[in-house]
């Protein structure tokens, strides 16, 4: 399983999950920080979730 956050330019902001996970439901919270721990600005971001052959990308809005 891999879960990553990207900005509107397609640049990777942060990886949130990478590794094996068993079946079931999971919840992941993003604290609005990049890979270096810096707070990112309010705005539109995208997440990419990959699990095996499954791949899903969705838009999200960070509001401060």
PDB file of N, CA and C in Angstrom:
ATOM      1  N   UNK A   1       0.851  -1.181   0.000  1.00  0.00           N
ATOM      2  CA  UNK A   1       0.000   0.000   0.000  1.00  0.00           C
ATOM      3  C   UNK A   1       0.890   1.235   0.000  1.00  0.00           C
ATOM      4  N   UNK A   2       0.494   2.220  -0.790  1.00  0.00           N
ATOM      5  CA  UNK A   2       1.217   3.488  -0.833  1.00  0.00           C
ATOM      6  C   UNK A   2       0.193   4.618  -0.879  1.00  0.00           C
ATOM      7  N   UNK A   3       0.394   5.641  -0.035  1.00  0.00           N
ATOM      8  CA  UNK A   3      -0.463   6.817  -0.009  1.00  0.00           C
ATOM      9  C   UNK A   3       0.432   8.045  -0.005  1.00  0.00           C
ATOM     10  N   UNK A   4       0.269   8.893  -1.043  1.00  0.00           N
ATOM     11  CA  UNK A   4       1.122  10.067  -1.200  1.00  0.00           C
ATOM     12  C   UNK A   4       0.272  11.305  -1.455  1.00  0.00           C
ATOM     13  N   UNK A   5       0.802  12.466  -1.059  1.00  0.00           N
ATOM     14  CA  UNK A   5       0.128  13.748  -1.264  1.00  0.00           C
ATOM     15  C   UNK A   5       0.937  14.564  -2.267  1.00  0.00           C
ATOM     16  N   UNK A   6       0.229  15.197  -3.224  1.00  0.00           N
ATOM     17  CA  UNK A   6       0.853  15.997  -4.275  1.00  0.00           C
ATOM     18  C   UNK A   6       0.209  17.372  -4.334  1.00  0.00           C
ATOM     19  N   UNK A   7       0.969  18.371  -4.806  1.00  0.00           N
ATOM     20  CA  UNK A   7       0.395  19.697  -5.024  1.00  0.00           C
ATOM     21  C   UNK A   7      -0.214  19.753  -6.422  1.00  0.00           C
ATOM     22  N   UNK A   8      -0.764  20.901  -6.795  1.00  0.00           N
ATOM     23  CA  UNK A   8      -1.430  21.021  -8.092  1.00  0.00           C
ATOM     24  C   UNK A   8      -0.454  20.992  -9.271  1.00  0.00           C
ATOM     25  N   UNK A   9       0.832  21.135  -8.993  1.00  0.00           N
ATOM     26  CA  UNK A   9       1.846  21.029 -10.053  1.00  0.00           C
ATOM     27  C   UNK A   9       2.314  19.590 -10.243  1.00  0.00           C
ATOM     28  N   UNK A  10       1.787  18.673  -9.428  1.00  0.00           N
ATOM     29  CA  UNK A  10       2.173  17.269  -9.526  1.00  0.00           C
ATOM     30  C   UNK A  10       3.418  16.924  -8.738  1.00  0.00           C
ATOM     31  N   UNK A  11       3.895  17.848  -7.925  1.00  0.00           N
ATOM     32  CA  UNK A  11       5.081  17.598  -7.108  1.00  0.00           C
ATOM     33  C   UNK A  11       4.677  16.860  -5.838  1.00  0.00           C
ATOM     34  N   UNK A  12       5.440  15.830  -5.507  1.00  0.00           N
ATOM     35  CA  UNK A  12       5.148  15.065  -4.298  1.00  0.00           C
ATOM     36  C   UNK A  12       5.457  15.920  -3.075  1.00  0.00           C
ATOM     37  N   UNK A  13       4.476  16.061  -2.206  1.00  0.00           N
ATOM     38  CA  UNK A  13       4.617  16.829  -0.978  1.00  0.00           C
ATOM     39  C   UNK A  13       5.056  15.932   0.171  1.00  0.00           C
ATOM     40  N   UNK A  14       4.410  14.772   0.261  1.00  0.00           N
ATOM     41  CA  UNK A  14       4.722  13.871   1.377  1.00  0.00           C
ATOM     42  C   UNK A  14       4.177  12.483   1.108  1.00  0.00           C
ATOM     43  N   UNK A  15       4.931  11.483   1.532  1.00  0.00           N
ATOM     44  CA  UNK A  15       4.454  10.111   1.546  1.00  0.00           C
ATOM     45  C   UNK A  15       3.885   9.826   2.923  1.00  0.00           C
ATOM     46  N   UNK A  16       2.675   9.317   2.980  1.00  0.00           N
ATOM     47  CA  UNK A  16       2.036   9.059   4.266  1.00  0.00           C
ATOM     48  C   UNK A  16       2.093   7.591   4.665  1.00  0.00           C
ATOM     49  N   UNK A  17       1.971   6.690   3.691  1.00  0.00           N
ATOM     50  CA  UNK A  17       1.973   5.256   3.973  1.00  0.00           C
ATOM     51  C   UNK A  17       2.764   4.561   2.883  1.00  0.00           C
ATOM     52  N   UNK A  18       3.597   3.624   3.271  1.00  0.00           N
ATOM     53  CA  UNK A  18       4.278   2.765   2.306  1.00  0.00           C
ATOM     54  C   UNK A  18       4.625   1.464   3.008  1.00  0.00           C
ATOM     55  N   UNK A  19       4.015   0.378   2.573  1.00  0.00           N
ATOM     56  CA  UNK A  19       4.304  -0.917   3.167  1.00  0.00           C
ATOM     57  C   UNK A  19       3.122  -1.867   3.081  1.00  0.00           C
ATOM     58  N   UNK A  20       3.306  -3.023   3.631  1.00  0.00           N
ATOM     59  CA  UNK A  20       2.282  -4.066   3.627  1.00  0.00           C
ATOM     60  C   UNK A  20       1.183  -3.747   4.632  1.00  0.00           C
ATOM     61  N   UNK A  21      -0.056  -4.020   4.241  1.00  0.00           N
ATOM     62  CA  UNK A  21      -1.201  -3.880   5.137  1.00  0.00           C
ATOM     63  C   UNK A  21      -2.158  -5.021   4.865  1.00  0.00           C
ATOM     64  N   UNK A  22      -2.749  -5.532   5.911  1.00  0.00           N
ATOM     65  CA  UNK A  22      -3.732  -6.598   5.761  1.00  0.00           C
ATOM     66  C   UNK A  22      -5.080  -6.052   5.332  1.00  0.00           C
ATOM     67  N   UNK A  23      -6.006  -6.939   5.039  1.00  0.00           N
ATOM     68  CA  UNK A  23      -7.344  -6.499   4.656  1.00  0.00           C
ATOM     69  C   UNK A  23      -8.007  -5.708   5.786  1.00  0.00           C
ATOM     70  N   UNK A  24      -8.896  -4.799   5.420  1.00  0.00           N
ATOM     71  CA  UNK A  24      -9.620  -4.043   6.426  1.00  0.00           C
ATOM     72  C   UNK A  24      -9.677  -2.568   6.089  1.00  0.00           C
ATOM     73  N   UNK A  25     -10.258  -1.816   6.996  1.00  0.00           N
ATOM     74  CA  UNK A  25     -10.383  -0.370   6.840  1.00  0.00           C
ATOM     75  C   UNK A  25      -9.306   0.322   7.656  1.00  0.00           C
ATOM     76  N   UNK A  26      -8.777   1.394   7.101  1.00  0.00           N
ATOM     77  CA  UNK A  26      -7.723   2.153   7.770  1.00  0.00           C
ATOM     78  C   UNK A  26      -8.034   3.634   7.667  1.00  0.00           C
ATOM     79  N   UNK A  27      -7.503   4.408   8.586  1.00  0.00           N
ATOM     80  CA  UNK A  27      -7.642   5.858   8.567  1.00  0.00           C
ATOM     81  C   UNK A  27      -6.261   6.475   8.706  1.00  0.00           C
ATOM     82  N   UNK A  28      -5.965   7.452   7.856  1.00  0.00           N
ATOM     83  CA  UNK A  28      -4.681   8.139   7.894  1.00  0.00           C
ATOM     84  C   UNK A  28      -4.967   9.639   7.966  1.00  0.00           C
ATOM     85  N   UNK A  29      -4.345  10.316   8.905  1.00  0.00           N
ATOM     86  CA  UNK A  29      -4.496  11.757   9.029  1.00  0.00           C
ATOM     87  C   UNK A  29      -3.233  12.446   8.532  1.00  0.00           C
ATOM     88  N   UNK A  30      -3.415  13.498   7.742  1.00  0.00           N
ATOM     89  CA  UNK A  30      -2.291  14.308   7.272  1.00  0.00           C
ATOM     90  C   UNK A  30      -2.315  15.611   8.056  1.00  0.00           C
ATOM     91  N   UNK A  31      -1.209  15.969   8.653  1.00  0.00           N
ATOM     92  CA  UNK A  31      -1.144  17.161   9.502  1.00  0.00           C
ATOM     93  C   UNK A  31      -0.836  18.448   8.722  1.00  0.00           C
ATOM     94  N   UNK A  32      -0.840  18.387   7.393  1.00  0.00           N
ATOM     95  CA  UNK A  32      -0.603  19.580   6.587  1.00  0.00           C
ATOM     96  C   UNK A  32       0.860  19.968   6.487  1.00  0.00           C
ATOM     97  N   UNK A  33       1.747  19.020   6.735  1.00  0.00           N
ATOM     98  CA  UNK A  33       3.189  19.288   6.658  1.00  0.00           C
ATOM     99  C   UNK A  33       3.801  18.495   5.514  1.00  0.00           C
ATOM    100  N   UNK A  34       4.894  19.050   4.965  1.00  0.00           N
ATOM    101  CA  UNK A  34       5.592  18.358   3.880  1.00  0.00           C
ATOM    102  C   UNK A  34       6.568  17.329   4.450  1.00  0.00           C
ATOM    103  N   UNK A  35       7.353  16.723   3.577  1.00  0.00           N
ATOM    104  CA  UNK A  35       8.287  15.665   3.988  1.00  0.00           C
ATOM    105  C   UNK A  35       9.379  16.166   4.929  1.00  0.00           C
ATOM    106  N   UNK A  36       9.640  17.488   4.917  1.00  0.00           N
ATOM    107  CA  UNK A  36      10.656  18.063   5.798  1.00  0.00           C
ATOM    108  C   UNK A  36      10.057  18.632   7.081  1.00  0.00           C
ATOM    109  N   UNK A  37       8.748  18.458   7.254  1.00  0.00           N
ATOM    110  CA  UNK A  37       8.094  18.931   8.460  1.00  0.00           C
ATOM    111  C   UNK A  37       7.617  20.369   8.402  1.00  0.00           C
ATOM    112  N   UNK A  38       7.722  20.995   7.233  1.00  0.00           N
ATOM    113  CA  UNK A  38       7.276  22.385   7.086  1.00  0.00           C
ATOM    114  C   UNK A  38       5.774  22.436   6.806  1.00  0.00           C
ATOM    115  N   UNK A  39       5.104  23.402   7.402  1.00  0.00           N
ATOM    116  CA  UNK A  39       3.673  23.589   7.160  1.00  0.00           C
ATOM    117  C   UNK A  39       3.464  24.044   5.719  1.00  0.00           C
ATOM    118  N   UNK A  40       2.541  23.406   5.001  1.00  0.00           N
ATOM    119  CA  UNK A  40       2.231  23.820   3.631  1.00  0.00           C
ATOM    120  C   UNK A  40       1.077  24.809   3.658  1.00  0.00           C
ATOM    121  N   UNK A  41       0.898  25.536   2.574  1.00  0.00           N
ATOM    122  CA  UNK A  41      -0.148  26.534   2.504  1.00  0.00           C
ATOM    123  C   UNK A  41      -1.524  25.926   2.290  1.00  0.00           C
ATOM    124  N   UNK A  42      -2.541  26.695   2.657  1.00  0.00           N
ATOM    125  CA  UNK A  42      -3.911  26.289   2.390  1.00  0.00           C
ATOM    126  C   UNK A  42      -4.109  26.207   0.886  1.00  0.00           C
ATOM    127  N   UNK A  43      -4.950  25.295   0.433  1.00  0.00           N
ATOM    128  CA  UNK A  43      -5.218  25.173  -0.990  1.00  0.00           C
ATOM    129  C   UNK A  43      -5.611  23.763  -1.377  1.00  0.00           C
ATOM    130  N   UNK A  44      -5.532  23.497  -2.668  1.00  0.00           N
ATOM    131  CA  UNK A  44      -5.940  22.213  -3.227  1.00  0.00           C
ATOM    132  C   UNK A  44      -4.735  21.294  -3.336  1.00  0.00           C
ATOM    133  N   UNK A  45      -4.924  20.057  -2.918  1.00  0.00           N
ATOM    134  CA  UNK A  45      -3.906  19.016  -3.011  1.00  0.00           C
ATOM    135  C   UNK A  45      -4.570  17.753  -3.538  1.00  0.00           C
ATOM    136  N   UNK A  46      -3.758  16.813  -3.950  1.00  0.00           N
ATOM    137  CA  UNK A  46      -4.257  15.528  -4.433  1.00  0.00           C
ATOM    138  C   UNK A  46      -3.586  14.421  -3.651  1.00  0.00           C
ATOM    139  N   UNK A  47      -4.327  13.337  -3.438  1.00  0.00           N
ATOM    140  CA  UNK A  47      -3.688  12.155  -2.864  1.00  0.00           C
ATOM    141  C   UNK A  47      -3.767  11.030  -3.878  1.00  0.00           C
ATOM    142  N   UNK A  48      -2.769  10.167  -3.853  1.00  0.00           N
ATOM    143  CA  UNK A  48      -2.727   8.984  -4.701  1.00  0.00           C
ATOM    144  C   UNK A  48      -2.627   7.778  -3.794  1.00  0.00           C
ATOM    145  N   UNK A  49      -3.603   6.892  -3.888  1.00  0.00           N
ATOM    146  CA  UNK A  49      -3.636   5.655  -3.111  1.00  0.00           C
ATOM    147  C   UNK A  49      -3.418   4.495  -4.061  1.00  0.00           C
ATOM    148  N   UNK A  50      -2.420   3.669  -3.776  1.00  0.00           N
ATOM    149  CA  UNK A  50      -2.135   2.482  -4.577  1.00  0.00           C
ATOM    150  C   UNK A  50      -2.097   1.273  -3.657  1.00  0.00           C
ATOM    151  N   UNK A  51      -2.804   0.220  -4.058  1.00  0.00           N
ATOM    152  CA  UNK A  51      -2.816  -1.035  -3.298  1.00  0.00           C
ATOM    153  C   UNK A  51      -2.914  -2.159  -4.322  1.00  0.00           C
ATOM    154  N   UNK A  52      -1.812  -2.835  -4.547  1.00  0.00           N
ATOM    155  CA  UNK A  52      -1.795  -3.872  -5.584  1.00  0.00           C
ATOM    156  C   UNK A  52      -2.074  -3.237  -6.936  1.00  0.00           C
ATOM    157  N   UNK A  53      -3.070  -3.756  -7.640  1.00  0.00           N
ATOM    158  CA  UNK A  53      -3.454  -3.214  -8.948  1.00  0.00           C
ATOM    159  C   UNK A  53      -4.382  -2.006  -8.820  1.00  0.00           C
ATOM    160  N   UNK A  54      -4.921  -1.776  -7.635  1.00  0.00           N
ATOM    161  CA  UNK A  54      -5.842  -0.658  -7.403  1.00  0.00           C
ATOM    162  C   UNK A  54      -5.067   0.647  -7.339  1.00  0.00           C
ATOM    163  N   UNK A  55      -5.614   1.669  -7.984  1.00  0.00           N
ATOM    164  CA  UNK A  55      -4.978   2.994  -8.002  1.00  0.00           C
ATOM    165  C   UNK A  55      -6.086   4.041  -8.026  1.00  0.00           C
ATOM    166  N   UNK A  56      -6.053   4.980  -7.062  1.00  0.00           N
ATOM    167  CA  UNK A  56      -7.088   5.997  -6.978  1.00  0.00           C
ATOM    168  C   UNK A  56      -6.463   7.336  -6.616  1.00  0.00           C
ATOM    169  N   UNK A  57      -6.887   8.381  -7.312  1.00  0.00           N
ATOM    170  CA  UNK A  57      -6.429   9.734  -7.028  1.00  0.00           C
ATOM    171  C   UNK A  57      -7.656  10.602  -6.793  1.00  0.00           C
ATOM    172  N   UNK A  58      -7.596  11.433  -5.751  1.00  0.00           N
ATOM    173  CA  UNK A  58      -8.705  12.320  -5.427  1.00  0.00           C
ATOM    174  C   UNK A  58      -8.175  13.693  -5.013  1.00  0.00           C
ATOM    175  N   UNK A  59      -9.017  14.684  -5.187  1.00  0.00           N
ATOM    176  CA  UNK A  59      -8.674  16.054  -4.815  1.00  0.00           C
ATOM    177  C   UNK A  59      -9.122  16.291  -3.373  1.00  0.00           C
ATOM    178  N   UNK A  60      -8.346  17.114  -2.657  1.00  0.00           N
ATOM    179  CA  UNK A  60      -8.742  17.505  -1.302  1.00  0.00           C
ATOM    180  C   UNK A  60      -8.323  18.953  -1.089  1.00  0.00           C
ATOM    181  N   UNK A  61      -8.976  19.607  -0.149  1.00  0.00           N
ATOM    182  CA  UNK A  61      -8.695  21.005   0.147  1.00  0.00           C
ATOM    183  C   UNK A  61      -8.200  21.134   1.563  1.00  0.00           C
ATOM    184  N   UNK A  62      -7.046  21.767   1.735  1.00  0.00           N
ATOM    185  CA  UNK A  62      -6.507  22.048   3.061  1.00  0.00           C
ATOM    186  C   UNK A  62      -6.943  23.452   3.451  1.00  0.00           C
ATOM    187  N   UNK A  63      -7.696  23.534   4.534  1.00  0.00           N
ATOM    188  CA  UNK A  63      -8.228  24.809   5.026  1.00  0.00           C
ATOM    189  C   UNK A  63      -7.587  25.124   6.356  1.00  0.00           C
ATOM    190  N   UNK A  64      -7.135  26.332   6.507  1.00  0.00           N
ATOM    191  CA  UNK A  64      -6.516  26.733   7.773  1.00  0.00           C
ATOM    192  C   UNK A  64      -7.378  27.739   8.492  1.00  0.00           C
TER     193      UNK A  64
END
